[in-house]
Structures are given as C-alpha cells and as structure tokens.
C-alpha atoms as a PDB file:
ATOM      1  CA  MET A   1     102.774 107.904  77.698  1.00  0.00           C
ATOM      2  CA  PRO A   2     103.359 105.056  80.033  1.00  0.00           C
ATOM      3  CA  SER A   3     103.029 105.441  83.882  1.00  0.00           C
ATOM      4  CA  TYR A   4     106.435 105.624  85.816  1.00  0.00           C
ATOM      5  CA  LEU A   5     105.563 102.208  87.419  1.00  0.00           C
ATOM      6  CA  SER A   6     103.384 100.151  85.705  1.00  0.00           C
ATOM      7  CA  ILE A   7     102.226  96.369  87.075  1.00  0.00           C
ATOM      8  CA  GLU A   8     100.086  94.416  84.895  1.00  0.00           C
ATOM      9  CA  ASP A   9      98.325  91.306  85.927  1.00  0.00           C
ATOM     10  CA  LEU A  10     100.622  90.142  88.467  1.00  0.00           C
ATOM     11  CA  THR A  11     100.160  86.729  90.086  1.00  0.00           C
ATOM     12  CA  VAL A  12     101.900  85.338  93.249  1.00  0.00           C
ATOM     13  CA  SER A  13     101.040  82.264  95.206  1.00  0.00           C
ATOM     14  CA  TYR A  14     102.149  80.297  97.825  1.00  0.00           C
ATOM     15  CA  GLY A  15     101.828  76.471  98.231  1.00  0.00           C
ATOM     16  CA  GLY A  16      99.051  77.034  95.455  1.00  0.00           C
ATOM     17  CA  ALA A  17      96.915  79.478  97.164  1.00  0.00           C
ATOM     18  CA  PRO A  18      96.973  82.722  95.023  1.00  0.00           C
ATOM     19  CA  VAL A  19      98.200  85.772  97.349  1.00  0.00           C
ATOM     20  CA  LEU A  20      98.041  88.337  94.547  1.00  0.00           C
ATOM     21  CA  ASP A  21      95.394  87.842  91.756  1.00  0.00           C
ATOM     22  CA  ARG A  22      96.209  89.471  88.275  1.00  0.00           C
ATOM     23  CA  VAL A  23      96.767  92.931  90.414  1.00  0.00           C
ATOM     24  CA  SER A  24      97.567  95.774  88.068  1.00  0.00           C
ATOM     25  CA  LEU A  25      98.531  99.078  89.419  1.00  0.00           C
ATOM     26  CA  GLU A  26     100.133 102.406  87.674  1.00  0.00           C
ATOM     27  CA  VAL A  27     101.953 104.959  89.785  1.00  0.00           C
ATOM     28  CA  GLU A  28     102.973 108.052  88.369  1.00  0.00           C
ATOM     29  CA  ARG A  29     106.577 109.738  88.750  1.00  0.00           C
ATOM     30  CA  GLY A  30     106.619 111.848  92.051  1.00  0.00           C
ATOM     31  CA  GLU A  31     103.730 110.104  93.311  1.00  0.00           C
ATOM     32  CA  MET A  32     103.321 108.408  96.576  1.00  0.00           C
ATOM     33  CA  VAL A  33     100.805 105.661  96.307  1.00  0.00           C
ATOM     34  CA  ALA A  34      99.721 103.765  99.719  1.00  0.00           C
ATOM     35  CA  LEU A  35      98.758  99.988  99.506  1.00  0.00           C
ATOM     36  CA  LEU A  36      96.167  99.667 102.012  1.00  0.00           C
ATOM     37  CA  GLY A  37      94.638  96.769 103.695  1.00  0.00           C
ATOM     38  CA  SER A  38      94.012  94.370 106.668  1.00  0.00           C
ATOM     39  CA  SER A  39      96.806  91.588 107.307  1.00  0.00           C
ATOM     40  CA  GLY A  40      97.215  89.078 105.131  1.00  0.00           C
ATOM     41  CA  CYS A  41      95.529  90.793 102.066  1.00  0.00           C
ATOM     42  CA  GLY A  42      98.456  90.552  99.925  1.00  0.00           C
ATOM     43  CA  LYS A  43      99.890  94.306 100.161  1.00  0.00           C
ATOM     44  CA  THR A  44     103.520  93.286 101.578  1.00  0.00           C
ATOM     45  CA  THR A  45     103.844  90.494  98.794  1.00  0.00           C
ATOM     46  CA  LEU A  46     102.616  93.188  96.438  1.00  0.00           C
ATOM     47  CA  LEU A  47     105.594  95.584  97.838  1.00  0.00           C
ATOM     48  CA  ARG A  48     108.200  92.431  97.765  1.00  0.00           C
ATOM     49  CA  SER A  49     107.418  91.513  94.246  1.00  0.00           C
ATOM     50  CA  ILE A  50     108.365  95.108  93.021  1.00  0.00           C
ATOM     51  CA  ALA A  51     111.525  95.069  95.494  1.00  0.00           C
ATOM     52  CA  GLY A  52     112.504  91.807  94.222  1.00  0.00           C
ATOM     53  CA  PHE A  53     112.269  89.522  97.273  1.00  0.00           C
ATOM     54  CA  VAL A  54     109.192  87.606  95.695  1.00  0.00           C
ATOM     55  CA  ILE A  55     109.223  86.604  91.982  1.00  0.00           C
ATOM     56  CA  PRO A  56     105.884  86.326  90.397  1.00  0.00           C
ATOM     57  CA  GLU A  57     104.335  83.275  88.492  1.00  0.00           C
ATOM     58  CA  SER A  58     103.134  85.527  86.359  1.00  0.00           C
ATOM     59  CA  GLY A  59     102.481  89.337  84.926  1.00  0.00           C
ATOM     60  CA  THR A  60     104.902  92.396  84.548  1.00  0.00           C
ATOM     61  CA  ILE A  61     106.419  95.079  86.642  1.00  0.00           C
ATOM     62  CA  ARG A  62     107.914  97.783  84.673  1.00  0.00           C
ATOM     63  CA  ILE A  63     109.928 101.177  85.758  1.00  0.00           C
ATOM     64  CA  GLU A  64     109.738 103.449  82.530  1.00  0.00           C
ATOM     65  CA  GLY A  65     108.926 100.783  80.342  1.00  0.00           C
ATOM     66  CA  ARG A  66     111.424  98.253  81.613  1.00  0.00           C
ATOM     67  CA  ASP A  67     110.272  95.100  82.902  1.00  0.00           C
ATOM     68  CA  ILE A  68     112.153  94.384  86.322  1.00  0.00           C
ATOM     69  CA  ALA A  69     109.855  91.398  87.177  1.00  0.00           C
ATOM     70  CA  ARG A  70     112.410  89.022  87.260  1.00  0.00           C
ATOM     71  CA  LEU A  71     115.508  90.806  87.948  1.00  0.00           C
ATOM     72  CA  PRO A  72     117.700  90.384  91.183  1.00  0.00           C
ATOM     73  CA  PRO A  73     116.794  93.396  93.963  1.00  0.00           C
ATOM     74  CA  GLU A  74     120.186  94.777  93.146  1.00  0.00           C
ATOM     75  CA  ALA A  75     118.958  95.223  89.452  1.00  0.00           C
ATOM     76  CA  ARG A  76     116.096  96.993  89.791  1.00  0.00           C
ATOM     77  CA  GLY A  77     116.836 100.650  90.909  1.00  0.00           C
ATOM     78  CA  THR A  78     114.622 100.320  93.984  1.00  0.00           C
ATOM     79  CA  ALA A  79     115.276 100.571  97.491  1.00  0.00           C
ATOM     80  CA  MET A  80     113.265  99.409 100.481  1.00  0.00           C
ATOM     81  CA  MET A  81     112.725 100.369 104.320  1.00  0.00           C
ATOM     82  CA  PHE A  82     111.653  97.912 106.351  1.00  0.00           C
ATOM     83  CA  GLN A  83     109.404  97.741 109.018  1.00  0.00           C
ATOM     84  CA  SER A  84     111.975  96.621 111.496  1.00  0.00           C
ATOM     85  CA  TYR A  85     114.392  99.253 109.736  1.00  0.00           C
ATOM     86  CA  ALA A  86     116.932  96.570 109.563  1.00  0.00           C
ATOM     87  CA  LEU A  87     119.847  98.598 110.789  1.00  0.00           C
ATOM     88  CA  TRP A  88     123.362  97.306 111.415  1.00  0.00           C
ATOM     89  CA  PRO A  89     123.687  97.551 115.469  1.00  0.00           C
ATOM     90  CA  HIS A  90     127.379  97.466 115.436  1.00  0.00           C
ATOM     91  CA  MET A  91     127.607 100.356 112.665  1.00  0.00           C
ATOM     92  CA  SER A  92     127.318 104.439 113.339  1.00  0.00           C
ATOM     93  CA  VAL A  93     124.656 106.346 111.878  1.00  0.00           C
ATOM     94  CA  ALA A  94     127.094 107.590 109.121  1.00  0.00           C
ATOM     95  CA  GLY A  95     128.228 103.741 108.690  1.00  0.00           C
ATOM     96  CA  ASN A  96     124.333 102.397 108.072  1.00  0.00           C
ATOM     97  CA  ILE A  97     123.473 105.645 105.657  1.00  0.00           C
ATOM     98  CA  GLY A  98     126.219 104.602 103.564  1.00  0.00           C
ATOM     99  CA  TYR A  99     126.212 101.156 103.399  1.00  0.00           C
ATOM    100  CA  GLY A 100     124.401 100.573 100.051  1.00  0.00           C
ATOM    101  CA  LEU A 101     126.994 103.383  98.609  1.00  0.00           C
ATOM    102  CA  ARG A 102     129.790 100.867  99.872  1.00  0.00           C
ATOM    103  CA  MET A 103     128.259  97.686  98.480  1.00  0.00           C
ATOM    104  CA  ARG A 104     127.936  99.455  95.086  1.00  0.00           C
ATOM    105  CA  GLY A 105     131.868 100.327  95.152  1.00  0.00           C
ATOM    106  CA  GLN A 106     131.621 104.171  95.357  1.00  0.00           C
ATOM    107  CA  LYS A 107     134.837 106.010  96.760  1.00  0.00           C
ATOM    108  CA  LYS A 108     135.066 107.164 100.231  1.00  0.00           C
ATOM    109  CA  ASP A 109     134.940 110.884  99.754  1.00  0.00           C
ATOM    110  CA  ALA A 110     131.880 110.395  97.478  1.00  0.00           C
ATOM    111  CA  ILE A 111     130.209 108.487 100.232  1.00  0.00           C
ATOM    112  CA  ALA A 112     131.212 110.849 102.884  1.00  0.00           C
ATOM    113  CA  ALA A 113     129.692 113.865 100.929  1.00  0.00           C
ATOM    114  CA  ARG A 114     126.490 111.675 100.061  1.00  0.00           C
ATOM    115  CA  VAL A 115     126.188 110.668 104.119  1.00  0.00           C
ATOM    116  CA  VAL A 116     126.741 114.351 105.211  1.00  0.00           C
ATOM    117  CA  GLU A 117     123.798 115.362 102.474  1.00  0.00           C
ATOM    118  CA  MET A 118     121.452 112.821 104.124  1.00  0.00           C
ATOM    119  CA  LEU A 119     122.112 113.895 107.417  1.00  0.00           C
ATOM    120  CA  ARG A 120     121.222 117.599 106.579  1.00  0.00           C
ATOM    121  CA  LEU A 121     118.350 116.508 104.628  1.00  0.00           C
ATOM    122  CA  LEU A 122     116.863 114.471 107.674  1.00  0.00           C
ATOM    123  CA  GLN A 123     117.807 116.904 110.275  1.00  0.00           C
ATOM    124  CA  LEU A 124     120.542 114.447 111.942  1.00  0.00           C
ATOM    125  CA  GLU A 125     123.411 116.917 111.825  1.00  0.00           C
ATOM    126  CA  GLY A 126     126.098 115.862 113.973  1.00  0.00           C
ATOM    127  CA  PHE A 127     124.550 112.174 114.605  1.00  0.00           C
ATOM    128  CA  GLY A 128     126.949 110.648 112.271  1.00  0.00           C
ATOM    129  CA  PRO A 129     129.324 108.983 114.558  1.00  0.00           C
ATOM    130  CA  ARG A 130     126.809 107.831 117.021  1.00  0.00           C
ATOM    131  CA  ALA A 131     125.800 104.367 117.441  1.00  0.00           C
ATOM    132  CA  VAL A 132     122.403 103.671 116.192  1.00  0.00           C
ATOM    133  CA  THR A 133     121.596 101.652 119.668  1.00  0.00           C
ATOM    134  CA  GLN A 134     121.874 104.807 121.182  1.00  0.00           C
ATOM    135  CA  LEU A 135     118.868 106.402 118.898  1.00  0.00           C
ATOM    136  CA  SER A 136     115.103 107.059 119.548  1.00  0.00           C
ATOM    137  CA  GLY A 137     112.844 105.286 117.511  1.00  0.00           C
ATOM    138  CA  GLY A 138     112.396 108.238 115.380  1.00  0.00           C
ATOM    139  CA  GLN A 139     115.850 108.569 115.088  1.00  0.00           C
ATOM    140  CA  ARG A 140     116.291 104.980 113.606  1.00  0.00           C
ATOM    141  CA  GLN A 141     113.600 105.457 111.295  1.00  0.00           C
ATOM    142  CA  ARG A 142     115.171 108.526 109.870  1.00  0.00           C
ATOM    143  CA  VAL A 143     118.739 106.799 109.539  1.00  0.00           C
ATOM    144  CA  ALA A 144     116.875 103.810 107.676  1.00  0.00           C
ATOM    145  CA  LEU A 145     115.279 106.505 105.327  1.00  0.00           C
ATOM    146  CA  GLY A 146     118.646 108.049 104.516  1.00  0.00           C
ATOM    147  CA  ARG A 147     120.080 104.655 103.837  1.00  0.00           C
ATOM    148  CA  ALA A 148     117.385 103.798 101.472  1.00  0.00           C
ATOM    149  CA  LEU A 149     117.585 107.512  99.789  1.00  0.00           C
ATOM    150  CA  ALA A 150     121.366 107.704  99.905  1.00  0.00           C
ATOM    151  CA  VAL A 151     121.655 105.237  96.863  1.00  0.00           C
ATOM    152  CA  SER A 152     119.347 107.636  94.727  1.00  0.00           C
ATOM    153  CA  PRO A 153     116.803 104.741  94.014  1.00  0.00           C
ATOM    154  CA  GLN A 154     114.132 105.363  91.237  1.00  0.00           C
ATOM    155  CA  LEU A 155     111.693 103.943  93.349  1.00  0.00           C
ATOM    156  CA  LEU A 156     111.173 104.093  97.384  1.00  0.00           C
ATOM    157  CA  LEU A 157     109.135 101.027  98.725  1.00  0.00           C
ATOM    158  CA  LEU A 158     108.088 101.218 102.441  1.00  0.00           C
ATOM    159  CA  ASP A 159     106.607  98.332 104.352  1.00  0.00           C
ATOM    160  CA  GLU A 160     104.579  99.839 107.639  1.00  0.00           C
ATOM    161  CA  PRO A 161     107.809 102.089 108.663  1.00  0.00           C
ATOM    162  CA  MET A 162     105.908 103.479 111.583  1.00  0.00           C
ATOM    163  CA  SER A 163     104.113 100.688 113.098  1.00  0.00           C
ATOM    164  CA  ASN A 164     106.726 100.384 115.884  1.00  0.00           C
ATOM    165  CA  LEU A 165     106.831 103.898 116.903  1.00  0.00           C
ATOM    166  CA  ASP A 166     104.441 105.276 119.530  1.00  0.00           C
ATOM    167  CA  TYR A 167     101.422 107.706 118.369  1.00  0.00           C
ATOM    168  CA  LYS A 168     102.749 111.315 118.936  1.00  0.00           C
ATOM    169  CA  VAL A 169     106.253 110.407 117.151  1.00  0.00           C
ATOM    170  CA  ARG A 170     104.134 108.645 114.430  1.00  0.00           C
ATOM    171  CA  LEU A 171     102.079 111.759 113.933  1.00  0.00           C
ATOM    172  CA  GLU A 172     105.208 113.770 113.846  1.00  0.00           C
ATOM    173  CA  LEU A 173     106.959 111.716 111.331  1.00  0.00           C
ATOM    174  CA  ARG A 174     104.092 111.270 108.826  1.00  0.00           C
ATOM    175  CA  HIS A 175     104.174 114.843 108.246  1.00  0.00           C
ATOM    176  CA  GLU A 176     108.083 114.981 107.900  1.00  0.00           C
ATOM    177  CA  LEU A 177     107.868 111.967 105.657  1.00  0.00           C
ATOM    178  CA  ARG A 178     105.214 113.349 103.519  1.00  0.00           C
ATOM    179  CA  ALA A 179     107.182 116.694 103.190  1.00  0.00           C
ATOM    180  CA  LEU A 180     110.555 115.460 102.191  1.00  0.00           C
ATOM    181  CA  GLN A 181     109.200 113.042  99.653  1.00  0.00           C
ATOM    182  CA  GLN A 182     107.271 116.051  98.143  1.00  0.00           C
ATOM    183  CA  ARG A 183     110.311 118.017  98.355  1.00  0.00           C
ATOM    184  CA  ILE A 184     112.770 115.756  96.607  1.00  0.00           C
ATOM    185  CA  GLY A 185     110.048 114.698  94.249  1.00  0.00           C
ATOM    186  CA  ILE A 186     110.785 110.876  94.616  1.00  0.00           C
ATOM    187  CA  THR A 187     108.352 108.191  93.767  1.00  0.00           C
ATOM    188  CA  ALA A 188     107.120 105.921  96.534  1.00  0.00           C
ATOM    189  CA  VAL A 189     105.128 103.085  97.307  1.00  0.00           C
ATOM    190  CA  TYR A 190     103.841 102.746 100.892  1.00  0.00           C
ATOM    191  CA  VAL A 191     102.291  99.774 102.698  1.00  0.00           C
ATOM    192  CA  THR A 192     100.027 100.290 105.752  1.00  0.00           C
ATOM    193  CA  HIS A 193      97.049  99.093 107.735  1.00  0.00           C
ATOM    194  CA  ASP A 194      96.412 102.209 108.936  1.00  0.00           C
ATOM    195  CA  ARG A 195      93.432 104.325 106.820  1.00  0.00           C
ATOM    196  CA  GLU A 196      94.568 107.714 108.849  1.00  0.00           C
ATOM    197  CA  GLU A 197      98.166 107.007 107.839  1.00  0.00           C
ATOM    198  CA  ALA A 198      97.229 106.434 104.196  1.00  0.00           C
ATOM    199  CA  LEU A 199      94.802 109.423 103.921  1.00  0.00           C
ATOM    200  CA  THR A 200      97.409 111.828 105.281  1.00  0.00           C
ATOM    201  CA  LEU A 201     100.532 110.335 103.312  1.00  0.00           C
ATOM    202  CA  SER A 202      99.498 109.501  99.881  1.00  0.00           C
ATOM    203  CA  ASP A 203      98.583 111.212  96.667  1.00  0.00           C
ATOM    204  CA  ARG A 204      96.237 107.838  95.892  1.00  0.00           C
ATOM    205  CA  ILE A 205      95.269 104.611  97.737  1.00  0.00           C
ATOM    206  CA  ALA A 206      94.807 101.393  96.358  1.00  0.00           C
ATOM    207  CA  VAL A 207      92.835  99.407  98.788  1.00  0.00           C
ATOM    208  CA  ILE A 208      93.759  95.739  98.850  1.00  0.00           C
ATOM    209  CA  ASP A 209      91.406  92.709  99.860  1.00  0.00           C
ATOM    210  CA  ALA A 210      92.199  89.048  99.244  1.00  0.00           C
ATOM    211  CA  GLY A 211      94.868  89.545  96.634  1.00  0.00           C
ATOM    212  CA  ARG A 212      93.193  91.920  94.458  1.00  0.00           C
ATOM    213  CA  ILE A 213      93.156  95.860  94.443  1.00  0.00           C
ATOM    214  CA  VAL A 214      89.340  96.675  95.179  1.00  0.00           C
ATOM    215  CA  GLN A 215      89.516 100.342  94.827  1.00  0.00           C
ATOM    216  CA  THR A 216      92.300 102.855  93.649  1.00  0.00           C
ATOM    217  CA  GLY A 217      91.710 106.605  93.994  1.00  0.00           C
ATOM    218  CA  VAL A 218      92.797 110.165  95.883  1.00  0.00           C
ATOM    219  CA  PRO A 219      92.416 109.849  99.446  1.00  0.00           C
ATOM    220  CA  GLU A 220      89.041 112.105  99.376  1.00  0.00           C
ATOM    221  CA  GLU A 221      87.504 109.924  96.850  1.00  0.00           C
ATOM    222  CA  ILE A 222      88.322 106.974  98.857  1.00  0.00           C
ATOM    223  CA  PHE A 223      86.725 108.044 101.910  1.00  0.00           C
ATOM    224  CA  HIS A 224      83.698 109.699 100.422  1.00  0.00           C
ATOM    225  CA  HIS A 225      82.828 107.586  97.563  1.00  0.00           C
ATOM    226  CA  PRO A 226      83.987 103.929  98.342  1.00  0.00           C
ATOM    227  CA  SER A 227      82.949 101.527  95.704  1.00  0.00           C
ATOM    228  CA  SER A 228      81.712  98.764  97.879  1.00  0.00           C
ATOM    229  CA  ALA A 229      80.671  98.113 101.269  1.00  0.00           C
ATOM    230  CA  PHE A 230      84.350  96.552 101.919  1.00  0.00           C
ATOM    231  CA  VAL A 231      85.928  99.566 101.325  1.00  0.00           C
ATOM    232  CA  ALA A 232      83.203 101.694 103.156  1.00  0.00           C
ATOM    233  CA  GLY A 233      83.903  99.418 106.398  1.00  0.00           C
ATOM    234  CA  PHE A 234      87.601  99.691 106.182  1.00  0.00           C
ATOM    235  CA  MET A 235      87.570 103.744 105.525  1.00  0.00           C
ATOM    236  CA  GLY A 236      85.502 104.062 108.900  1.00  0.00           C
ATOM    237  CA  ALA A 237      82.179 103.493 107.913  1.00  0.00           C
ATOM    238  CA  ASP A 238      81.618 100.304 110.020  1.00  0.00           C
ATOM    239  CA  ASN A 239      78.126 100.857 110.771  1.00  0.00           C
ATOM    240  CA  ALA A 240      76.057  98.602 108.557  1.00  0.00           C
ATOM    241  CA  VAL A 241      72.313  97.877 108.550  1.00  0.00           C
ATOM    242  CA  ASP A 242      69.881  96.707 105.874  1.00  0.00           C
ATOM    243  CA  VAL A 243      67.284  98.780 104.794  1.00  0.00           C
ATOM    244  CA  VAL A 244      64.669  99.396 102.588  1.00  0.00           C
ATOM    245  CA  ALA A 245      64.614 102.615 100.150  1.00  0.00           C
ATOM    246  CA  SER A 246      61.156 104.087  99.156  1.00  0.00           C
ATOM    247  CA  ASP A 247      60.240 107.571  97.763  1.00  0.00           C
ATOM    248  CA  ASP A 248      59.651 108.479 101.484  1.00  0.00           C
ATOM    249  CA  GLY A 249      63.313 107.866 102.539  1.00  0.00           C
ATOM    250  CA  PHE A 250      64.910 104.776 104.409  1.00  0.00           C
ATOM    251  CA  ALA A 251      63.049 102.155 106.859  1.00  0.00           C
ATOM    252  CA  ALA A 252      64.484  99.184 108.402  1.00  0.00           C
ATOM    253  CA  PRO A 253      63.456  95.844 106.884  1.00  0.00           C
ATOM    254  CA  GLY A 254      59.912  95.007 108.059  1.00  0.00           C
ATOM    255  CA  ARG A 255      58.801  98.793 108.531  1.00  0.00           C
ATOM    256  CA  ALA A 256      58.417  99.259 104.888  1.00  0.00           C
ATOM    257  CA  ALA A 257      55.898  97.337 102.802  1.00  0.00           C
ATOM    258  CA  SER A 258      57.888  97.758  99.590  1.00  0.00           C
ATOM    259  CA  GLY A 259      61.026  99.435  98.300  1.00  0.00           C
ATOM    260  CA  ARG A 260      64.482  98.255  97.229  1.00  0.00           C
ATOM    261  CA  LYS A 261      66.682  96.467  99.540  1.00  0.00           C
ATOM    262  CA  LEU A 262      70.069  97.842 100.243  1.00  0.00           C
ATOM    263  CA  ARG A 263      72.985  97.870 102.727  1.00  0.00           C
ATOM    264  CA  ALA A 264      73.554 101.162 104.310  1.00  0.00           C
ATOM    265  CA  HIS A 265      77.155 102.178 105.808  1.00  0.00           C
ATOM    266  CA  PHE A 266      77.656 105.420 108.024  1.00  0.00           C
ATOM    267  CA  ARG A 267      80.176 106.787 110.179  1.00  0.00           C
ATOM    268  CA  SER A 268      79.354 106.859 114.049  1.00  0.00           C
ATOM    269  CA  ASP A 269      80.311 110.725 114.103  1.00  0.00           C
ATOM    270  CA  SER A 270      77.630 111.305 111.093  1.00  0.00           C
ATOM    271  CA  ALA A 271      74.753 109.650 113.248  1.00  0.00           C
ATOM    272  CA  ARG A 272      73.021 111.866 115.967  1.00  0.00           C
ATOM    273  CA  LEU A 273      71.742 110.141 119.074  1.00  0.00           C
ATOM    274  CA  ALA A 274      68.322 111.259 120.037  1.00  0.00           C
ATOM    275  CA  ALA A 275      65.763 110.703 123.017  1.00  0.00           C
ATOM    276  CA  SER A 276      63.388 107.895 122.092  1.00  0.00           C
ATOM    277  CA  GLY A 277      60.539 108.934 119.833  1.00  0.00           C
ATOM    278  CA  ALA A 278      61.910 112.408 118.985  1.00  0.00           C
ATOM    279  CA  PRO A 279      60.802 114.227 115.915  1.00  0.00           C
ATOM    280  CA  VAL A 280      63.132 113.637 112.646  1.00  0.00           C
ATOM    281  CA  ASN A 281      63.293 114.931 109.358  1.00  0.00           C
ATOM    282  CA  GLY A 282      61.499 113.091 106.317  1.00  0.00           C
ATOM    283  CA  GLY A 283      64.390 111.335 104.309  1.00  0.00           C
ATOM    284  CA  ASP A 284      66.838 110.658 107.309  1.00  0.00           C
ATOM    285  CA  LEU A 285      67.386 107.030 108.636  1.00  0.00           C
ATOM    286  CA  VAL A 286      65.798 106.438 112.018  1.00  0.00           C
ATOM    287  CA  LEU A 287      66.780 103.530 114.183  1.00  0.00           C
ATOM    288  CA  ASP A 288      65.257 102.737 117.569  1.00  0.00           C
ATOM    289  CA  GLY A 289      66.963 100.780 120.175  1.00  0.00           C
ATOM    290  CA  VAL A 290      68.716 100.731 123.454  1.00  0.00           C
ATOM    291  CA  VAL A 291      72.218 102.073 124.644  1.00  0.00           C
ATOM    292  CA  SER A 292      74.150  98.885 125.402  1.00  0.00           C
ATOM    293  CA  GLN A 293      77.506 100.472 126.253  1.00  0.00           C
ATOM    294  CA  SER A 294      79.320 103.892 126.762  1.00  0.00           C
ATOM    295  CA  VAL A 295      82.812 104.789 126.404  1.00  0.00           C
ATOM    296  CA  TYR A 296      84.280 107.987 126.980  1.00  0.00           C
ATOM    297  CA  VAL A 297      86.499 109.142 124.048  1.00  0.00           C
ATOM    298  CA  GLY A 298      87.817 112.555 125.561  1.00  0.00           C
ATOM    299  CA  GLN A 299      85.626 114.974 123.172  1.00  0.00           C
ATOM    300  CA  GLY A 300      82.434 113.385 124.325  1.00  0.00           C
ATOM    301  CA  TYR A 301      81.241 109.776 124.491  1.00  0.00           C
ATOM    302  CA  ARG A 302      80.980 106.766 122.111  1.00  0.00           C
ATOM    303  CA  TYR A 303      77.516 104.453 122.546  1.00  0.00           C
ATOM    304  CA  ARG A 304      76.516 101.183 121.214  1.00  0.00           C
ATOM    305  CA  VAL A 305      72.972 101.255 120.622  1.00  0.00           C
ATOM    306  CA  ARG A 306      71.399  97.628 119.966  1.00  0.00           C
ATOM    307  CA  THR A 307      68.751  97.933 117.533  1.00  0.00           C
ATOM    308  CA  ASP A 308      66.400  95.286 116.094  1.00  0.00           C
ATOM    309  CA  GLY A 309      68.583  94.843 112.835  1.00  0.00           C
ATOM    310  CA  ALA A 310      72.008  95.732 113.979  1.00  0.00           C
ATOM    311  CA  GLU A 311      74.378  97.121 116.778  1.00  0.00           C
ATOM    312  CA  ILE A 312      75.115 100.768 115.965  1.00  0.00           C
ATOM    313  CA  TRP A 313      78.330 102.957 117.394  1.00  0.00           C
ATOM    314  CA  VAL A 314      77.237 106.523 117.666  1.00  0.00           C
ATOM    315  CA  HIS A 315      79.125 109.764 118.839  1.00  0.00           C
ATOM    316  CA  ALA A 316      77.249 112.055 121.401  1.00  0.00           C
ATOM    317  CA  PRO A 317      78.532 114.752 123.467  1.00  0.00           C
ATOM    318  CA  GLU A 318      76.299 114.621 126.464  1.00  0.00           C
ATOM    319  CA  ARG A 319      76.283 111.747 129.150  1.00  0.00           C
ATOM    320  CA  VAL A 320      73.470 109.042 128.638  1.00  0.00           C
ATOM    321  CA  ALA A 321      73.154 106.071 131.170  1.00  0.00           C
ATOM    322  CA  GLU A 322      73.280 102.381 130.009  1.00  0.00           C
ATOM    323  CA  GLY A 323      70.010 100.724 129.361  1.00  0.00           C
ATOM    324  CA  THR A 324      68.525 104.375 127.918  1.00  0.00           C
ATOM    325  CA  ALA A 325      66.036 104.012 125.034  1.00  0.00           C
ATOM    326  CA  ALA A 326      67.160 105.741 122.477  1.00  0.00           C
ATOM    327  CA  ARG A 327      67.131 107.025 118.561  1.00  0.00           C
ATOM    328  CA  VAL A 328      69.660 106.979 115.936  1.00  0.00           C
ATOM    329  CA  VAL A 329      69.172 109.306 113.435  1.00  0.00           C
ATOM    330  CA  VAL A 330      71.310 109.427 110.234  1.00  0.00           C
ATOM    331  CA  PRO A 331      71.284 111.909 107.534  1.00  0.00           C
ATOM    332  CA  ARG A 332      70.444 111.016 104.158  1.00  0.00           C
ATOM    333  CA  SER A 333      73.839 112.573 102.866  1.00  0.00           C
ATOM    334  CA  ALA A 334      75.698 110.774 105.335  1.00  0.00           C
ATOM    335  CA  LEU A 335      74.640 107.095 103.880  1.00  0.00           C
ATOM    336  CA  LEU A 336      76.729 105.103 101.872  1.00  0.00           C
ATOM    337  CA  LEU A 337      74.183 102.630 100.042  1.00  0.00           C
ATOM    338  CA  PHE A 338      75.428  99.477  98.481  1.00  0.00           C
ATOM    339  CA  PRO A 339      73.157  96.481  96.995  1.00  0.00           C
END
C-alpha cells in the first residue's frame, strides 16, 4: 500500500545550482515528520515544493496516489503555517481563522461554526472578536494554526513556526502542538533547524544536508545511531577526534603502533573530566590536555579541553581552574565511530 505522502526523485535548482537533488521521502497517514537541517540545506524548499510555491524541475509528489507536483497551491489539499504566521493585522481572530473558508466560498453559518470549533480546539474561547495585534506570540501562533486547520487540509505544512517565540513559550507550545496533532490525527511535515524540537515533536526525522536526505528514522534511532559523522555532529555529538582502534581499545594517532583509523564522535555529557594521570578502564578513549575555557551552565560546568588532536567540550559538576592539566575519559559505549 503506498504512503499517504510520497515524494520521489524531487529536483529543484535556482540559477543552475541544485537546491534539492533527487530527494525521496515517504510520510504515512497521521504521522508528523520533521525536516531537520541547517540554514540553506533545502528543507524549506522541500516544504514549499509540497505546498506548491516552488515547482520542481523533475520528480513526483503524491498525496494518496495523486501527483500534485505541478498543481497550483489551492488545488493540492495542503495548508501551510508560515514562520511569520502571516496573519491579517486588520482582521479579528475569528476573521483570520475563517479566511481560508471564505476564499473557498463557504456560507457564513458554516464558517462561524467552524471558527467556534477551532477556538475551542486551540483553547482560545472568547478571543474571536479580538484584534490579532493584541495577542501574544504564542496566541498568534495558535490563530495561524487554527487558520491552517480550519480548511480541513489533507496535509499540514509547518515552516519553523516557533522560531520567533521565547524559550519558555516554545517549550509549552511544542507539547501542545504535538498533543493536538495526535488528537486530531492530521498528517504533518514540520521544518526546523532545532534538533530538540525535532526530537520532541516528530514520529520520524529526515535529516537534510546540501539538498539531500542523509538519514531518515525515528528520533531515538537518529539520536543514538547516526548514519554519518555529519548526522552525529548535528545531533549533538559534536566532539570529534581521529583515533586508532586496536584490540586494546582506542588511542590517538601517534600513540598506537597499528590499528584501524576512525573518526570518533561523542557528546560532551557522555565524557568524564578526570585529574591528569588518573587511572582508567581498558577500552575507554583517553585524551590528555589542558582546560582552556570554563563556562557555568547552571547544573555544573562545561569545559573546553585542548588536547593534541582536537579541542574537546566536556561537562563536569565541579569547578576546575583554566590552565589545569586534565584527562578526558570517554566510555567505549559513548563513541560513535565512522571511517
């Protein structure tokens, strides 16, 4: 049985340079998939291609088997929630939510009933007559979401809708949005550059780099089993050192006579900061160096340690003075190894 949304070999270029290079992606009915990547990787272009604002050079986009790749936006059965929300400032909350329904020629009574339903769903009862200019950022986001959902789209598209909100509001709305999406069972594609947002919101994540999807999987798989050094770094394992693997464990190049050369990635909170010369377990990766920077992060400290091969970030609960000789110890189980 084909997927609800099926994208195959999608290619988009701007001025001859490929922005999307033969991208393929499957999204099941009721699933929320996050497109995760850094600025300029092509994730928003992919979303806009699904919405109909970008026409691809080649490839197909199918919803329930119907190819929509070259249809106008209004004929696709999709609704998009923009980063800026794009609300009409001269309209009330109710006017904004009902806008898409009016454009579709629905009757006033039907529009009013649907707006009341959306206000209740989004916990905005009583806000209908209020001007959107009087709302907080979180409330505006809900109005924009209500406008998108009011037209009962087959597919909801979200373009970094929380990037303009402060951190506390963002955390609250993440969970609200996820609970709402699961409750109504809508299929959604969500663009973000924030890995924490992708991990907490999505059923699956598609990591994009330079116009290609480099890994797709459930959040736990992407986080714990990245398929490449790029994905490992993007998912927070941004400490990277060259190592030589042997039967005895791992060593920095130059300390091992022979073995397989690998690139090891690991997260700063999986490493341990120890005193210089401290005993270690066999098989652990040991890096000796000097503490070059100390940053207090609330629950302990984050240290930059300068070693022979690289500069390493590591967490530790205790205060260590800059300039102190130290040893970074990384358990074998915390290492993500790549050729």
